[in-house]
Amino acid sequence: MSDEQDHHRYALTDGQRARIDYARRDLDSARAEDLAQLPTAGLILLVERMRRRLDDTLQIIDDITAE
């Protein structure tokens, strides 16, 4: 399969692109946090948020590779 065919085969919808962009922004925000300064509850919330973003991104991968 050529690169062009592969690109079209795995093309993302606008909604999928938005979900990935949202995950990237959340990750950038998490990277900018001073984790040593966060209270325990803040760390738990951060981990849960990243877990949801990872799950969502993996779901997108499953969706586009199943087509």
N, C-alpha and C. Protein backbone atom coordinates (compact mmCIF):
# COMPACT_ATOMS: atom_id res chain seq x y z
N MET A 1 0.84 -1.17 0.00
CA MET A 1 0.00 0.00 0.00
C MET A 1 0.89 1.24 0.00
N SER A 2 0.57 2.20 -0.83
CA SER A 2 1.37 3.41 -0.91
C SER A 2 1.07 4.32 0.28
N ASP A 3 1.95 5.30 0.50
CA ASP A 3 1.73 6.26 1.58
C ASP A 3 0.42 7.02 1.39
N GLU A 4 0.09 7.35 0.15
CA GLU A 4 -1.15 8.07 -0.14
C GLU A 4 -2.37 7.24 0.21
N GLN A 5 -2.36 5.97 -0.15
CA GLN A 5 -3.48 5.09 0.19
C GLN A 5 -3.59 4.91 1.70
N ASP A 6 -2.45 4.76 2.37
CA ASP A 6 -2.43 4.59 3.81
C ASP A 6 -2.99 5.83 4.49
N HIS A 7 -2.63 7.02 3.99
CA HIS A 7 -3.11 8.27 4.56
C HIS A 7 -4.64 8.33 4.49
N HIS A 8 -5.21 7.99 3.35
CA HIS A 8 -6.66 8.03 3.21
C HIS A 8 -7.34 6.93 4.02
N ARG A 9 -6.71 5.81 4.13
CA ARG A 9 -7.28 4.70 4.89
C ARG A 9 -7.44 5.07 6.36
N TYR A 10 -6.50 5.84 6.91
CA TYR A 10 -6.53 6.20 8.31
C TYR A 10 -6.85 7.68 8.52
N ALA A 11 -7.56 8.29 7.61
CA ALA A 11 -7.94 9.68 7.75
C ALA A 11 -8.89 9.84 8.94
N LEU A 12 -8.66 10.88 9.72
CA LEU A 12 -9.48 11.14 10.89
C LEU A 12 -10.65 12.04 10.55
N THR A 13 -11.73 11.84 11.26
CA THR A 13 -12.86 12.75 11.13
C THR A 13 -12.54 14.02 11.91
N ASP A 14 -13.34 15.05 11.69
CA ASP A 14 -13.15 16.30 12.44
C ASP A 14 -13.32 16.05 13.94
N GLY A 15 -14.27 15.22 14.30
CA GLY A 15 -14.49 14.91 15.71
C GLY A 15 -13.31 14.18 16.33
N GLN A 16 -12.73 13.24 15.59
CA GLN A 16 -11.56 12.51 16.09
C GLN A 16 -10.37 13.46 16.24
N ARG A 17 -10.19 14.34 15.26
CA ARG A 17 -9.10 15.32 15.36
C ARG A 17 -9.27 16.22 16.59
N ALA A 18 -10.51 16.63 16.84
CA ALA A 18 -10.78 17.47 18.00
C ALA A 18 -10.48 16.74 19.30
N ARG A 19 -10.87 15.46 19.38
CA ARG A 19 -10.60 14.68 20.58
C ARG A 19 -9.10 14.52 20.81
N ILE A 20 -8.35 14.29 19.75
CA ILE A 20 -6.89 14.16 19.88
C ILE A 20 -6.26 15.48 20.26
N ASP A 21 -6.74 16.57 19.66
CA ASP A 21 -6.22 17.90 20.01
C ASP A 21 -6.49 18.21 21.48
N TYR A 22 -7.68 17.86 21.96
CA TYR A 22 -8.03 18.07 23.37
C TYR A 22 -7.09 17.26 24.27
N ALA A 23 -6.79 16.04 23.89
CA ALA A 23 -5.86 15.21 24.67
C ALA A 23 -4.46 15.81 24.67
N ARG A 24 -4.04 16.33 23.52
CA ARG A 24 -2.70 16.96 23.45
C ARG A 24 -2.62 18.18 24.36
N ARG A 25 -3.69 19.00 24.35
CA ARG A 25 -3.69 20.19 25.21
C ARG A 25 -3.69 19.80 26.68
N ASP A 26 -4.44 18.76 27.03
CA ASP A 26 -4.42 18.27 28.41
C ASP A 26 -3.03 17.76 28.80
N LEU A 27 -2.39 17.06 27.90
CA LEU A 27 -1.04 16.56 28.18
C LEU A 27 -0.06 17.71 28.35
N ASP A 28 -0.14 18.71 27.47
CA ASP A 28 0.73 19.89 27.61
C ASP A 28 0.51 20.58 28.94
N SER A 29 -0.75 20.68 29.34
CA SER A 29 -1.08 21.30 30.62
C SER A 29 -0.50 20.49 31.78
N ALA A 30 -0.62 19.17 31.69
CA ALA A 30 -0.08 18.29 32.74
C ALA A 30 1.44 18.40 32.82
N ARG A 31 2.08 18.51 31.67
CA ARG A 31 3.54 18.64 31.66
C ARG A 31 3.98 19.95 32.30
N ALA A 32 3.16 20.97 32.17
CA ALA A 32 3.51 22.29 32.72
C ALA A 32 3.29 22.36 34.23
N GLU A 33 2.53 21.44 34.78
CA GLU A 33 2.26 21.43 36.23
C GLU A 33 3.53 21.11 37.01
N ASP A 34 3.67 21.75 38.13
CA ASP A 34 4.73 21.40 39.07
C ASP A 34 4.14 20.33 39.99
N LEU A 35 4.38 19.08 39.63
CA LEU A 35 3.75 17.97 40.34
C LEU A 35 4.09 17.94 41.82
N ALA A 36 5.25 18.43 42.18
CA ALA A 36 5.64 18.43 43.59
C ALA A 36 4.79 19.41 44.40
N GLN A 37 4.21 20.38 43.74
CA GLN A 37 3.41 21.38 44.42
C GLN A 37 1.92 21.04 44.49
N LEU A 38 1.50 20.02 43.73
CA LEU A 38 0.09 19.66 43.72
C LEU A 38 -0.28 18.88 44.98
N PRO A 39 -1.45 19.18 45.53
CA PRO A 39 -1.91 18.36 46.65
C PRO A 39 -2.31 16.98 46.15
N THR A 40 -2.47 16.06 47.05
CA THR A 40 -2.81 14.69 46.68
C THR A 40 -4.04 14.63 45.80
N ALA A 41 -5.06 15.37 46.15
CA ALA A 41 -6.29 15.36 45.36
C ALA A 41 -6.03 15.86 43.95
N GLY A 42 -5.18 16.86 43.81
CA GLY A 42 -4.83 17.39 42.49
C GLY A 42 -4.11 16.36 41.65
N LEU A 43 -3.21 15.61 42.25
CA LEU A 43 -2.51 14.55 41.53
C LEU A 43 -3.47 13.46 41.07
N ILE A 44 -4.39 13.10 41.94
CA ILE A 44 -5.38 12.08 41.58
C ILE A 44 -6.22 12.56 40.40
N LEU A 45 -6.66 13.80 40.44
CA LEU A 45 -7.45 14.35 39.34
C LEU A 45 -6.65 14.39 38.04
N LEU A 46 -5.38 14.75 38.13
CA LEU A 46 -4.52 14.80 36.96
C LEU A 46 -4.35 13.40 36.35
N VAL A 47 -4.11 12.41 37.18
CA VAL A 47 -3.95 11.04 36.69
C VAL A 47 -5.26 10.55 36.05
N GLU A 48 -6.38 10.83 36.67
CA GLU A 48 -7.67 10.42 36.11
C GLU A 48 -7.93 11.09 34.77
N ARG A 49 -7.60 12.38 34.68
CA ARG A 49 -7.78 13.10 33.41
C ARG A 49 -6.91 12.50 32.32
N MET A 50 -5.67 12.20 32.62
CA MET A 50 -4.77 11.60 31.62
C MET A 50 -5.22 10.20 31.26
N ARG A 51 -5.74 9.48 32.22
CA ARG A 51 -6.25 8.13 31.94
C ARG A 51 -7.43 8.17 30.97
N ARG A 52 -8.33 9.13 31.17
CA ARG A 52 -9.47 9.28 30.26
C ARG A 52 -9.00 9.68 28.86
N ARG A 53 -8.02 10.57 28.78
CA ARG A 53 -7.51 10.99 27.47
C ARG A 53 -6.84 9.83 26.76
N LEU A 54 -6.06 9.03 27.48
CA LEU A 54 -5.40 7.87 26.88
C LEU A 54 -6.45 6.89 26.38
N ASP A 55 -7.45 6.62 27.18
CA ASP A 55 -8.52 5.71 26.79
C ASP A 55 -9.23 6.21 25.53
N ASP A 56 -9.52 7.50 25.48
CA ASP A 56 -10.19 8.09 24.32
C ASP A 56 -9.31 7.98 23.07
N THR A 57 -8.03 8.25 23.21
CA THR A 57 -7.11 8.17 22.08
C THR A 57 -6.98 6.73 21.58
N LEU A 58 -6.90 5.79 22.49
CA LEU A 58 -6.83 4.38 22.09
C LEU A 58 -8.12 3.95 21.40
N GLN A 59 -9.25 4.49 21.83
CA GLN A 59 -10.52 4.18 21.17
C GLN A 59 -10.51 4.70 19.73
N ILE A 60 -9.95 5.87 19.52
CA ILE A 60 -9.85 6.42 18.17
C ILE A 60 -8.98 5.50 17.31
N ILE A 61 -7.88 5.04 17.85
CA ILE A 61 -7.00 4.13 17.10
C ILE A 61 -7.76 2.85 16.75
N ASP A 62 -8.48 2.31 17.71
CA ASP A 62 -9.29 1.11 17.44
C ASP A 62 -10.31 1.38 16.35
N ASP A 63 -10.96 2.54 16.41
CA ASP A 63 -11.98 2.89 15.41
C ASP A 63 -11.40 2.98 14.01
N ILE A 64 -10.27 3.64 13.86
CA ILE A 64 -9.74 3.86 12.51
C ILE A 64 -9.03 2.63 11.94
N THR A 65 -8.51 1.78 12.81
CA THR A 65 -7.84 0.58 12.30
C THR A 65 -8.81 -0.54 12.01
N ALA A 66 -10.03 -0.44 12.57
CA ALA A 66 -11.04 -1.47 12.33
C ALA A 66 -11.76 -1.27 11.01
N GLU A 67 -11.63 -0.10 10.42
CA GLU A 67 -12.34 0.21 9.17
C GLU A 67 -11.77 -0.54 8.02
